[in-house]
């Protein structure tokens, strides 16, 4: 019995996930809770302590990457599979650094999901079909993946988005899944200053969460 929590803000997608899990002949799943955003997820995890978390990275209020920063040290035995439409290498790398065990795209099929769950429950790292990689390392050196595309990043469009040198530094650290406290320590500034810079970066890039920020940064080769 695999105690499972699903975090996704699209109800139809969540229902589809539950149907896939119910029909599985590999495992028996017990759905312990469902969350539509990061704020809903945290109390569910505190109440249920699941074995498996299926996590959408792009959710309202607190997105998947922000939640990971809060839970990665609390639920050390819980396996996390990220489910997303974002295949950019920078976001993939950030997600693994933040603590996911598997990363798959939402446009893949049921078999891919079950393969990912199978691998992460064995203690392996799973990287799904179509996911772009740049130096993604597993926690234990044991990584399963279907294909690999090497990308490159250039500093472009800084003038277009009117980003300052400090904002570029913070953007790069955010893209490496650094928390506000970690960024503050790295740059010798206060947590509050980091928070202000983060809000300014999101405003300039017209995004509302970290996943969107990393996506546009990657798309424009800002990091």
Protein backbone atom coordinates (compact mmCIF):
# COMPACT_ATOMS: atom_id res chain seq x y z
CA UNK A 1 0.00 0.00 0.00
CA UNK A 2 1.54 3.28 -1.16
CA UNK A 3 0.19 6.27 0.74
CA UNK A 4 -0.06 9.01 -1.89
CA UNK A 5 -0.82 12.74 -2.00
CA UNK A 6 -1.55 14.61 -5.24
CA UNK A 7 -0.88 18.35 -5.61
CA UNK A 8 -2.23 19.91 -8.82
CA UNK A 9 -4.53 22.84 -9.48
CA UNK A 10 -6.38 21.19 -12.39
CA UNK A 11 -9.17 18.96 -11.11
CA UNK A 12 -9.58 17.02 -14.36
CA UNK A 13 -5.87 16.17 -14.35
CA UNK A 14 -6.06 15.07 -10.71
CA UNK A 15 -9.01 12.81 -11.47
CA UNK A 16 -7.07 11.31 -14.37
CA UNK A 17 -4.11 10.62 -12.08
CA UNK A 18 -6.33 8.88 -9.56
CA UNK A 19 -7.84 6.68 -12.28
CA UNK A 20 -4.37 5.66 -13.46
CA UNK A 21 -3.32 4.80 -9.93
CA UNK A 22 -6.49 2.80 -9.23
CA UNK A 23 -6.01 0.72 -12.38
CA UNK A 24 -2.36 -0.08 -11.71
CA UNK A 25 -1.53 -3.77 -11.46
CA UNK A 26 1.95 -2.99 -10.09
CA UNK A 27 1.01 -1.20 -6.87
CA UNK A 28 -1.89 -0.52 -4.57
CA UNK A 29 -2.30 3.18 -3.89
CA UNK A 30 -4.12 4.87 -1.06
CA UNK A 31 -4.92 8.52 -1.85
CA UNK A 32 -4.37 10.36 1.41
CA UNK A 33 -5.16 13.85 0.19
CA UNK A 34 -5.38 16.31 -2.70
CA UNK A 35 -4.18 19.92 -2.83
CA UNK A 36 -4.75 22.64 -5.41
CA UNK A 37 -1.86 24.82 -4.26
CA UNK A 38 1.17 24.82 -2.03
CA UNK A 39 -0.59 26.32 0.96
CA UNK A 40 -3.16 23.52 0.96
CA UNK A 41 -0.45 20.90 0.54
CA UNK A 42 1.59 21.60 3.68
CA UNK A 43 -1.11 20.75 6.27
CA UNK A 44 -2.06 17.62 4.29
CA UNK A 45 1.55 16.40 4.47
CA UNK A 46 1.72 17.18 8.17
CA UNK A 47 -1.43 15.16 8.77
CA UNK A 48 -0.72 12.14 6.55
CA UNK A 49 3.08 11.70 6.14
CA UNK A 50 2.68 9.96 2.75
CA UNK A 51 5.11 7.65 0.98
CA UNK A 52 4.68 9.42 -2.36
CA UNK A 53 3.92 12.97 -3.49
CA UNK A 54 2.86 13.69 -7.08
CA UNK A 55 3.61 17.39 -7.39
CA UNK A 56 2.72 19.93 -10.06
CA UNK A 57 5.44 22.59 -10.21
CA UNK A 58 3.20 25.38 -11.50
CA UNK A 59 0.46 26.03 -8.93
CA UNK A 60 -1.11 29.24 -7.61
CA UNK A 61 -0.18 30.89 -4.30
CA UNK A 62 2.83 28.71 -3.45
CA UNK A 63 4.16 26.78 -6.45
CA UNK A 64 5.91 23.44 -6.43
CA UNK A 65 9.44 24.78 -6.09
CA UNK A 66 8.50 27.00 -3.17
CA UNK A 67 6.83 24.06 -1.43
CA UNK A 68 9.86 21.85 -1.99
CA UNK A 69 11.98 24.35 -0.12
CA UNK A 70 9.67 23.91 2.89
CA UNK A 71 9.32 20.13 2.86
CA UNK A 72 12.57 18.63 1.59
CA UNK A 73 14.15 18.37 5.05
CA UNK A 74 10.97 17.46 6.94
CA UNK A 75 9.81 14.45 4.91
CA UNK A 76 13.09 12.71 4.18
CA UNK A 77 11.53 9.31 3.38
CA UNK A 78 8.79 10.67 1.10
CA UNK A 79 9.41 10.20 -2.62
CA UNK A 80 8.48 13.14 -4.86
CA UNK A 81 7.63 12.94 -8.57
CA UNK A 82 7.30 16.31 -10.29
CA UNK A 83 4.57 16.53 -12.95
CA UNK A 84 4.82 19.52 -15.26
CA UNK A 85 4.65 20.87 -18.80
CA UNK A 86 8.04 22.57 -18.36
CA UNK A 87 10.87 20.61 -19.98
CA UNK A 88 13.62 23.24 -19.73
CA UNK A 89 16.90 21.95 -18.36
CA UNK A 90 17.32 24.80 -15.89
CA UNK A 91 13.97 24.10 -14.25
CA UNK A 92 14.70 20.36 -14.22
CA UNK A 93 18.01 20.98 -12.50
CA UNK A 94 16.38 23.31 -9.98
CA UNK A 95 13.68 20.76 -9.19
CA UNK A 96 16.21 18.00 -8.49
CA UNK A 97 18.34 20.32 -6.38
CA UNK A 98 15.20 21.23 -4.43
CA UNK A 99 14.52 17.59 -3.65
CA UNK A 100 12.41 15.80 -6.28
CA UNK A 101 13.17 12.14 -7.02
CA UNK A 102 11.47 11.98 -10.43
CA UNK A 103 10.54 14.47 -13.15
CA UNK A 104 8.05 13.71 -15.93
CA UNK A 105 6.05 15.74 -18.43
CA UNK A 106 2.26 15.89 -18.29
CA UNK A 107 1.93 15.04 -21.99
CA UNK A 108 3.36 11.55 -21.46
CA UNK A 109 1.21 8.48 -20.91
CA UNK A 110 0.13 6.42 -17.89
CA UNK A 111 2.98 3.94 -18.36
CA UNK A 112 5.51 6.73 -17.96
CA UNK A 113 3.97 7.77 -14.65
CA UNK A 114 4.04 4.21 -13.33
CA UNK A 115 7.61 3.74 -14.53
CA UNK A 116 8.63 6.89 -12.65
CA UNK A 117 6.90 5.74 -9.47
CA UNK A 118 8.49 2.31 -9.77
CA UNK A 119 11.98 3.78 -10.09
CA UNK A 120 11.73 6.35 -7.30
CA UNK A 121 10.30 3.78 -4.89
CA UNK A 122 13.41 1.71 -5.58
CA UNK A 123 15.53 4.67 -4.49
CA UNK A 124 16.47 5.73 -8.00
CA UNK A 125 16.12 9.09 -9.77
CA UNK A 126 13.80 9.12 -12.77
CA UNK A 127 14.00 11.59 -15.65
CA UNK A 128 11.14 11.25 -18.10
CA UNK A 129 10.88 11.15 -21.88
CA UNK A 130 11.38 14.57 -23.46
CA UNK A 131 12.95 16.15 -20.40
CA UNK A 132 16.02 18.25 -21.23
CA UNK A 133 19.13 17.68 -19.16
CA UNK A 134 22.18 19.72 -18.31
CA UNK A 135 24.27 18.02 -15.68
CA UNK A 136 21.40 16.67 -13.59
CA UNK A 137 22.85 14.32 -10.99
CA UNK A 138 20.93 11.86 -8.87
CA UNK A 139 21.31 11.81 -5.10
CA UNK A 140 22.86 8.34 -5.16
CA UNK A 141 24.40 8.33 -8.65
CA UNK A 142 21.66 5.99 -9.93
CA UNK A 143 19.61 7.80 -12.56
CA UNK A 144 17.06 6.39 -15.00
CA UNK A 145 16.12 8.47 -18.02
CA UNK A 146 14.66 8.00 -21.48
CA UNK A 147 16.55 10.60 -23.52
CA UNK A 148 19.00 13.44 -23.02
CA UNK A 149 19.32 16.82 -24.73
CA UNK A 150 22.19 19.09 -23.85
CA UNK A 151 21.41 22.81 -23.87
CA UNK A 152 23.46 25.94 -23.38
CA UNK A 153 22.71 29.26 -21.72
CA UNK A 154 23.82 32.77 -22.57
CA UNK A 155 23.38 36.12 -20.86
CA UNK A 156 20.99 37.91 -23.25
CA UNK A 157 18.09 40.34 -23.09
CA UNK A 158 19.30 41.94 -19.85
CA UNK A 159 18.76 45.38 -21.35
CA UNK A 160 15.32 44.36 -22.63
CA UNK A 161 14.10 43.45 -19.15
CA UNK A 162 16.03 46.23 -17.39
CA UNK A 163 17.51 43.86 -14.83
CA UNK A 164 20.26 45.09 -12.55
CA UNK A 165 23.51 43.26 -11.84
CA UNK A 166 22.22 42.31 -8.37
CA UNK A 167 18.93 41.02 -9.85
CA UNK A 168 20.87 38.85 -12.30
CA UNK A 169 22.87 37.39 -9.39
CA UNK A 170 19.69 36.63 -7.47
CA UNK A 171 17.94 35.25 -10.55
CA UNK A 172 20.79 32.79 -11.09
CA UNK A 173 20.61 31.64 -7.47
CA UNK A 174 16.82 31.28 -7.63
CA UNK A 175 17.27 29.16 -10.74
CA UNK A 176 19.57 26.91 -8.70
CA UNK A 177 16.76 26.43 -6.13
CA UNK A 178 18.37 28.61 -3.45
CA UNK A 179 15.97 29.79 -0.75
CA UNK A 180 15.79 33.45 0.32
CA UNK A 181 17.92 32.64 3.37
CA UNK A 182 20.52 30.84 1.28
CA UNK A 183 20.65 33.72 -1.22
CA UNK A 184 21.01 36.24 1.62
CA UNK A 185 23.91 34.26 3.09
CA UNK A 186 25.57 33.87 -0.31
CA UNK A 187 25.35 37.58 -1.18
CA UNK A 188 25.76 38.97 2.36
CA UNK A 189 22.42 40.77 2.33
CA UNK A 190 19.25 40.44 4.41
CA UNK A 191 16.35 38.06 3.76
CA UNK A 192 14.08 41.09 3.36
CA UNK A 193 16.34 42.55 0.65
CA UNK A 194 16.27 39.26 -1.23
CA UNK A 195 12.48 39.21 -1.01
CA UNK A 196 12.25 42.72 -2.47
CA UNK A 197 14.61 41.81 -5.32
CA UNK A 198 12.66 38.61 -6.01
CA UNK A 199 9.40 40.56 -6.30
CA UNK A 200 11.04 43.13 -8.60
CA UNK A 201 12.45 40.38 -10.84
CA UNK A 202 9.04 38.71 -11.12
CA UNK A 203 7.42 42.06 -11.91
CA UNK A 204 9.98 42.86 -14.62
CA UNK A 205 9.64 39.40 -16.16
CA UNK A 206 5.81 39.43 -15.74
CA UNK A 207 5.62 36.10 -13.92
CA UNK A 208 3.75 35.15 -10.76
CA UNK A 209 5.72 32.17 -9.43
CA UNK A 210 9.19 30.65 -9.39
CA UNK A 211 8.46 28.01 -12.02
CA UNK A 212 7.35 30.71 -14.45
CA UNK A 213 10.36 32.83 -13.55
CA UNK A 214 12.83 30.04 -14.32
CA UNK A 215 11.00 29.23 -17.55
CA UNK A 216 11.19 32.76 -18.95
CA UNK A 217 14.78 33.12 -17.72
CA UNK A 218 15.68 29.92 -19.55
CA UNK A 219 13.70 30.83 -22.70
CA UNK A 220 15.55 34.15 -22.92
CA UNK A 221 18.96 32.73 -21.95
CA UNK A 222 19.15 34.97 -18.90
CA UNK A 223 20.68 32.13 -16.90
